[in-house]
């Protein structure tokens, strides 16, 4: 009898737990995706934190397990991206450097404000404040890495707020007039080549940003449908941001202001990048004679995901051995 009661109690607890989880997922199905993001973060050895800074709440991943005086490596994601894009690289840098990987305001888990400005200039000012408040207190030099849109933001941060950045890495960075490709032509025509409205759009998005099939993520059901629904809800926001950084007066500002950058700089591209053509690297380099150039082969737009070992090696040369 006692055994039956215990079994019944366990079944009731399991049923209550299932009902709670089901209710949470019914209210916010995106929790399925966030749960996998948390799994990836834990595997990468990162913790999670947040803070309110001026008018936005930031969410960021971090790891402080590094020798005393080690540089703080701040990693800034690109358009439609999030902090999770940096986790493969973070796994390889962990223990040598302090790591800070934020979701930029407006993206990922960080706060988005209706009518907010999320262009290059506004985001670079916010990023400088984040570095001042979160990175600098950790001690050591600040090494700022920016990918794609985040590269344009990082370039402006280094140019306009030189005390915030000691060393700079621009990976497949936006902000210059690169050689025409399909992505650039669609952006100039007012379209969002990254738009995801259905399964075909999701596949097209992945095929555009990834060249190495082995590195391309698979998104199983139901996470794929939940992710697609989220991207559909974000479509207007994405278009607004893309209009500003891809077609507006700010679109080439990072490249123009790069001449003001004096910090040691790493420029890193993938030869098969179908988003920001590799010709962009030479355009940035022309403004920064101090920059070291690294061109990787067999990868596309997502260099930190497709070639994390080679990117980590290049970052170590930029940041110094620790």
Protein backbone atom coordinates (compact mmCIF):
# COMPACT_ATOMS: atom_id res chain seq x y z
CA UNK A 1 0.00 0.00 0.00
CA UNK A 2 2.79 2.42 0.94
CA UNK A 3 4.57 1.65 -2.34
CA UNK A 4 1.37 2.41 -4.28
CA UNK A 5 0.92 5.72 -2.48
CA UNK A 6 4.52 6.71 -3.25
CA UNK A 7 4.04 5.79 -6.90
CA UNK A 8 0.81 7.78 -7.06
CA UNK A 9 2.50 10.80 -5.42
CA UNK A 10 5.36 10.64 -7.91
CA UNK A 11 2.89 10.46 -10.79
CA UNK A 12 1.01 13.49 -9.46
CA UNK A 13 4.25 15.47 -9.10
CA UNK A 14 5.25 14.54 -12.66
CA UNK A 15 1.84 15.53 -13.96
CA UNK A 16 1.97 18.86 -12.15
CA UNK A 17 5.46 19.52 -13.48
CA UNK A 18 4.37 18.67 -17.03
CA UNK A 19 1.35 20.96 -16.71
CA UNK A 20 3.56 23.80 -15.47
CA UNK A 21 6.03 23.36 -18.32
CA UNK A 22 3.20 23.13 -20.86
CA UNK A 23 1.63 26.33 -19.53
CA UNK A 24 4.96 28.17 -19.73
CA UNK A 25 5.53 26.99 -23.29
CA UNK A 26 1.98 27.92 -24.28
CA UNK A 27 2.59 31.48 -23.03
CA UNK A 28 6.06 31.73 -24.58
CA UNK A 29 7.05 28.90 -26.96
CA UNK A 30 10.41 30.62 -27.56
CA UNK A 31 11.48 29.15 -24.21
CA UNK A 32 12.29 25.99 -26.16
CA UNK A 33 14.94 27.88 -28.15
CA UNK A 34 16.21 29.69 -25.04
CA UNK A 35 16.58 26.38 -23.25
CA UNK A 36 18.90 25.13 -25.97
CA UNK A 37 20.81 28.43 -25.89
CA UNK A 38 21.32 27.91 -22.14
CA UNK A 39 22.60 24.41 -22.83
CA UNK A 40 25.10 25.80 -25.35
CA UNK A 41 26.23 28.44 -22.85
CA UNK A 42 26.85 25.86 -20.15
CA UNK A 43 28.81 23.66 -22.55
CA UNK A 44 30.95 26.70 -23.43
CA UNK A 45 31.69 27.25 -19.72
CA UNK A 46 29.93 30.62 -19.56
CA UNK A 47 27.72 32.22 -16.94
CA UNK A 48 24.83 34.62 -17.59
CA UNK A 49 24.07 38.01 -16.09
CA UNK A 50 22.19 41.21 -16.86
CA UNK A 51 22.20 44.88 -15.93
CA UNK A 52 20.21 48.02 -16.62
CA UNK A 53 22.42 50.58 -18.33
CA UNK A 54 20.86 53.94 -19.17
CA UNK A 55 17.64 53.13 -21.07
CA UNK A 56 18.23 49.44 -21.86
CA UNK A 57 18.58 46.19 -19.99
CA UNK A 58 21.55 44.20 -21.28
CA UNK A 59 21.88 40.41 -21.03
CA UNK A 60 25.34 38.95 -21.45
CA UNK A 61 27.37 35.78 -21.07
CA UNK A 62 30.76 35.86 -19.37
CA UNK A 63 33.69 33.89 -18.00
CA UNK A 64 36.26 35.35 -15.61
CA UNK A 65 38.46 32.27 -15.19
CA UNK A 66 41.68 33.84 -16.47
CA UNK A 67 45.09 34.81 -15.06
CA UNK A 68 45.40 38.10 -13.23
CA UNK A 69 45.78 40.99 -15.67
CA UNK A 70 44.52 38.98 -18.64
CA UNK A 71 42.76 41.03 -21.33
CA UNK A 72 38.98 41.27 -21.39
CA UNK A 73 37.68 40.07 -24.76
CA UNK A 74 34.32 41.66 -25.64
CA UNK A 75 32.49 39.99 -28.53
CA UNK A 76 29.71 41.78 -30.45
CA UNK A 77 27.34 39.87 -32.73
CA UNK A 78 25.91 40.84 -36.10
CA UNK A 79 22.53 41.57 -37.71
CA UNK A 80 19.87 38.99 -36.69
CA UNK A 81 22.55 37.42 -34.50
CA UNK A 82 23.00 37.04 -30.76
CA UNK A 83 25.63 36.24 -28.16
CA UNK A 84 25.27 32.53 -28.93
CA UNK A 85 27.11 33.03 -32.25
CA UNK A 86 30.34 33.47 -30.27
CA UNK A 87 30.12 30.36 -28.08
CA UNK A 88 32.35 28.12 -30.26
CA UNK A 89 35.10 30.75 -30.13
CA UNK A 90 34.53 31.36 -26.42
CA UNK A 91 35.20 27.68 -25.71
CA UNK A 92 38.64 28.06 -27.27
CA UNK A 93 39.52 31.33 -25.51
CA UNK A 94 38.21 30.39 -22.07
CA UNK A 95 40.85 30.29 -19.35
CA UNK A 96 43.27 32.59 -21.19
CA UNK A 97 41.11 35.72 -21.30
CA UNK A 98 38.15 37.18 -19.48
CA UNK A 99 35.17 36.93 -21.80
CA UNK A 100 32.16 39.24 -22.15
CA UNK A 101 29.55 38.42 -24.79
CA UNK A 102 26.49 40.70 -24.78
CA UNK A 103 23.27 40.65 -26.71
CA UNK A 104 23.22 44.14 -28.19
CA UNK A 105 20.22 46.26 -27.18
CA UNK A 106 17.34 45.36 -29.47
CA UNK A 107 18.60 41.84 -30.10
CA UNK A 108 18.58 38.46 -28.38
CA UNK A 109 17.58 38.67 -24.73
CA UNK A 110 18.49 42.33 -24.32
CA UNK A 111 15.81 45.00 -24.20
CA UNK A 112 14.26 46.56 -27.29
CA UNK A 113 12.43 49.87 -27.06
CA UNK A 114 9.71 50.86 -29.50
CA UNK A 115 10.98 53.53 -31.85
CA UNK A 116 14.55 53.12 -30.60
CA UNK A 117 17.60 53.88 -32.75
CA UNK A 118 19.66 50.71 -33.31
CA UNK A 119 21.99 51.98 -36.01
CA UNK A 120 25.77 52.05 -35.99
CA UNK A 121 26.16 55.38 -34.18
CA UNK A 122 23.66 54.81 -31.38
CA UNK A 123 24.84 51.26 -30.73
CA UNK A 124 28.51 52.29 -30.64
CA UNK A 125 27.70 54.83 -27.91
CA UNK A 126 25.85 52.16 -25.93
CA UNK A 127 28.69 49.71 -26.40
CA UNK A 128 31.24 52.22 -25.11
CA UNK A 129 29.12 52.62 -21.97
CA UNK A 130 28.86 48.85 -21.55
CA UNK A 131 32.65 48.53 -21.79
CA UNK A 132 33.12 51.34 -19.28
CA UNK A 133 30.70 49.81 -16.78
CA UNK A 134 31.26 46.08 -17.24
CA UNK A 135 34.56 45.38 -19.03
CA UNK A 136 36.97 47.97 -17.60
CA UNK A 137 36.31 47.08 -13.94
CA UNK A 138 37.52 43.54 -14.66
CA UNK A 139 41.05 44.87 -15.28
CA UNK A 140 43.42 44.28 -18.18
CA UNK A 141 43.25 45.57 -21.72
CA UNK A 142 39.94 45.54 -23.60
CA UNK A 143 40.02 43.58 -26.85
CA UNK A 144 36.86 44.35 -28.82
CA UNK A 145 35.74 41.86 -31.47
CA UNK A 146 32.88 42.68 -33.82
CA UNK A 147 31.23 40.45 -36.41
CA UNK A 148 29.24 41.72 -39.42
CA UNK A 149 26.97 44.55 -38.17
CA UNK A 150 28.82 44.22 -34.87
CA UNK A 151 32.03 44.88 -36.76
CA UNK A 152 30.71 48.22 -37.98
CA UNK A 153 29.63 49.06 -34.43
CA UNK A 154 33.01 47.99 -33.04
CA UNK A 155 34.88 50.09 -35.62
CA UNK A 156 32.92 53.21 -34.66
CA UNK A 157 33.43 52.47 -30.96
CA UNK A 158 37.21 52.26 -31.45
CA UNK A 159 37.21 55.43 -33.58
CA UNK A 160 34.91 57.60 -31.46
CA UNK A 161 35.71 56.23 -27.97
CA UNK A 162 39.42 55.31 -28.18
CA UNK A 163 39.79 55.01 -24.39
CA UNK A 164 37.22 52.21 -24.40
CA UNK A 165 39.18 49.95 -26.75
CA UNK A 166 42.83 48.83 -26.57
CA UNK A 167 42.78 46.29 -29.40
CA UNK A 168 40.24 45.69 -32.15
CA UNK A 169 39.13 42.74 -34.25
CA UNK A 170 36.75 43.15 -37.20
CA UNK A 171 35.35 39.90 -38.61
CA UNK A 172 33.40 39.97 -41.89
CA UNK A 173 32.52 43.52 -40.88
CA UNK A 174 29.84 45.74 -42.38
CA UNK A 175 30.39 49.44 -43.01
CA UNK A 176 32.22 49.74 -46.35
CA UNK A 177 31.21 49.62 -50.02
CA UNK A 178 32.30 46.10 -50.96
CA UNK A 179 32.13 44.41 -54.35
CA UNK A 180 28.52 43.89 -55.50
CA UNK A 181 26.89 40.59 -54.63
CA UNK A 182 23.31 39.33 -54.41
CA UNK A 183 23.01 40.21 -50.73
CA UNK A 184 24.14 43.81 -51.25
CA UNK A 185 21.92 44.32 -54.29
CA UNK A 186 18.84 43.12 -52.37
CA UNK A 187 19.63 45.39 -49.42
CA UNK A 188 20.00 48.42 -51.69
CA UNK A 189 16.66 47.51 -53.30
CA UNK A 190 15.00 47.76 -49.89
CA UNK A 191 14.69 44.04 -49.17
CA UNK A 192 15.90 41.97 -46.21
CA UNK A 193 17.85 38.99 -47.61
CA UNK A 194 17.92 37.51 -44.10
CA UNK A 195 14.11 37.51 -43.75
CA UNK A 196 12.63 34.28 -42.44
CA UNK A 197 8.88 33.71 -42.88
CA UNK A 198 8.72 29.94 -43.46
CA UNK A 199 10.84 26.81 -43.68
CA UNK A 200 12.18 27.70 -47.12
CA UNK A 201 13.19 31.13 -45.84
CA UNK A 202 15.01 29.59 -42.88
CA UNK A 203 16.93 27.27 -45.18
CA UNK A 204 17.81 30.16 -47.51
CA UNK A 205 19.03 32.19 -44.52
CA UNK A 206 21.30 29.38 -43.30
CA UNK A 207 22.58 28.70 -46.82
CA UNK A 208 23.45 32.40 -47.20
CA UNK A 209 25.42 32.86 -44.01
CA UNK A 210 27.13 29.44 -43.92
CA UNK A 211 29.44 28.01 -46.57
CA UNK A 212 30.79 25.01 -44.65
CA UNK A 213 27.98 22.45 -44.60
CA UNK A 214 29.52 20.68 -41.60
CA UNK A 215 29.21 23.85 -39.50
CA UNK A 216 25.66 24.66 -40.57
CA UNK A 217 23.29 24.14 -37.63
CA UNK A 218 20.29 21.85 -37.79
CA UNK A 219 17.16 23.11 -36.06
CA UNK A 220 14.84 20.21 -35.21
CA UNK A 221 11.07 20.41 -34.79
CA UNK A 222 9.48 22.14 -32.91
CA UNK A 223 12.36 24.59 -32.41
CA UNK A 224 12.40 25.39 -36.13
CA UNK A 225 8.75 26.48 -36.17
CA UNK A 226 9.19 28.47 -32.95
CA UNK A 227 12.27 30.21 -34.35
CA UNK A 228 10.45 31.01 -37.61
CA UNK A 229 7.54 32.51 -35.68
CA UNK A 230 9.96 34.71 -33.72
CA UNK A 231 11.67 35.93 -36.88
CA UNK A 232 8.29 36.74 -38.46
CA UNK A 233 7.41 38.87 -35.43
CA UNK A 234 10.78 40.63 -35.72
CA UNK A 235 10.49 41.30 -39.45
CA UNK A 236 9.54 44.98 -39.14
CA UNK A 237 12.30 45.64 -36.62
CA UNK A 238 14.89 43.89 -38.80
CA UNK A 239 13.85 45.94 -41.82
CA UNK A 240 14.08 49.20 -39.88
CA UNK A 241 17.60 48.40 -38.70
CA UNK A 242 18.69 47.22 -42.14
CA UNK A 243 17.36 50.38 -43.76
CA UNK A 244 19.53 52.41 -41.40
CA UNK A 245 22.78 50.43 -41.58
CA UNK A 246 22.45 49.09 -45.12
CA UNK A 247 20.87 51.92 -47.10
CA UNK A 248 20.87 55.00 -44.88
CA UNK A 249 23.49 57.71 -44.34
CA UNK A 250 25.28 55.61 -41.70
CA UNK A 251 25.96 52.65 -43.97
CA UNK A 252 29.56 53.57 -44.85
CA UNK A 253 30.36 55.55 -41.73
CA UNK A 254 32.38 52.77 -40.03
CA UNK A 255 34.72 52.57 -43.03
CA UNK A 256 35.03 56.33 -43.29
CA UNK A 257 35.81 56.70 -39.59
CA UNK A 258 38.26 53.78 -39.63
CA UNK A 259 41.03 56.23 -40.53
CA UNK A 260 40.76 57.49 -36.95
CA UNK A 261 41.46 54.05 -35.49
CA UNK A 262 44.96 53.81 -34.02
CA UNK A 263 44.62 50.64 -31.97
CA UNK A 264 46.29 47.40 -33.07
CA UNK A 265 43.69 45.77 -35.31
CA UNK A 266 42.89 42.36 -36.76
CA UNK A 267 40.86 42.14 -39.97
CA UNK A 268 39.54 38.63 -40.56
CA UNK A 269 37.35 37.42 -43.43
CA UNK A 270 36.28 34.22 -45.09
CA UNK A 271 36.96 33.99 -48.81
CA UNK A 272 33.49 32.56 -49.55
CA UNK A 273 31.53 35.18 -47.58
CA UNK A 274 28.30 35.70 -49.54
CA UNK A 275 27.10 38.53 -47.27
CA UNK A 276 29.99 40.98 -46.74
CA UNK A 277 32.23 40.20 -49.70
CA UNK A 278 35.89 39.63 -48.84
CA UNK A 279 36.80 42.72 -50.88
CA UNK A 280 35.64 44.70 -47.82
CA UNK A 281 38.76 43.65 -45.91
CA UNK A 282 41.08 45.56 -48.27
CA UNK A 283 38.85 48.63 -48.03
CA UNK A 284 39.16 48.64 -44.25
CA UNK A 285 42.89 47.92 -44.46
CA UNK A 286 43.42 50.94 -46.70
CA UNK A 287 42.21 53.11 -43.81
CA UNK A 288 44.19 51.24 -41.15
CA UNK A 289 47.78 50.56 -42.18
CA UNK A 290 48.44 49.03 -38.75
CA UNK A 291 45.88 46.28 -39.33
CA UNK A 292 46.85 42.64 -39.78
CA UNK A 293 44.80 40.81 -42.39
CA UNK A 294 43.72 37.16 -42.19
CA UNK A 295 41.75 35.55 -45.04
CA UNK A 296 40.36 32.10 -44.30
CA UNK A 297 39.32 29.61 -46.96
CA UNK A 298 36.38 27.22 -47.03
CA UNK A 299 34.03 29.31 -44.91
CA UNK A 300 31.34 31.92 -45.39
CA UNK A 301 29.95 34.76 -43.31
CA UNK A 302 30.04 32.99 -39.94
CA UNK A 303 33.79 32.76 -39.40
CA UNK A 304 33.59 32.41 -35.56
CA UNK A 305 31.31 29.38 -36.01
CA UNK A 306 32.75 27.84 -39.17
CA UNK A 307 36.46 28.25 -38.30
CA UNK A 308 36.65 28.75 -34.51
CA UNK A 309 40.14 27.23 -34.18
CA UNK A 310 41.68 29.52 -36.81
CA UNK A 311 39.81 32.54 -35.43
CA UNK A 312 40.99 31.75 -31.90
CA UNK A 313 44.58 31.56 -33.12
CA UNK A 314 44.24 34.96 -34.80
CA UNK A 315 42.65 36.49 -31.68
CA UNK A 316 45.47 35.13 -29.53
CA UNK A 317 48.00 36.88 -31.77
CA UNK A 318 46.01 40.10 -31.42
CA UNK A 319 45.43 39.89 -27.66
CA UNK A 320 48.76 38.36 -26.72
CA UNK A 321 49.61 35.04 -25.00
CA UNK A 322 48.14 34.38 -21.56
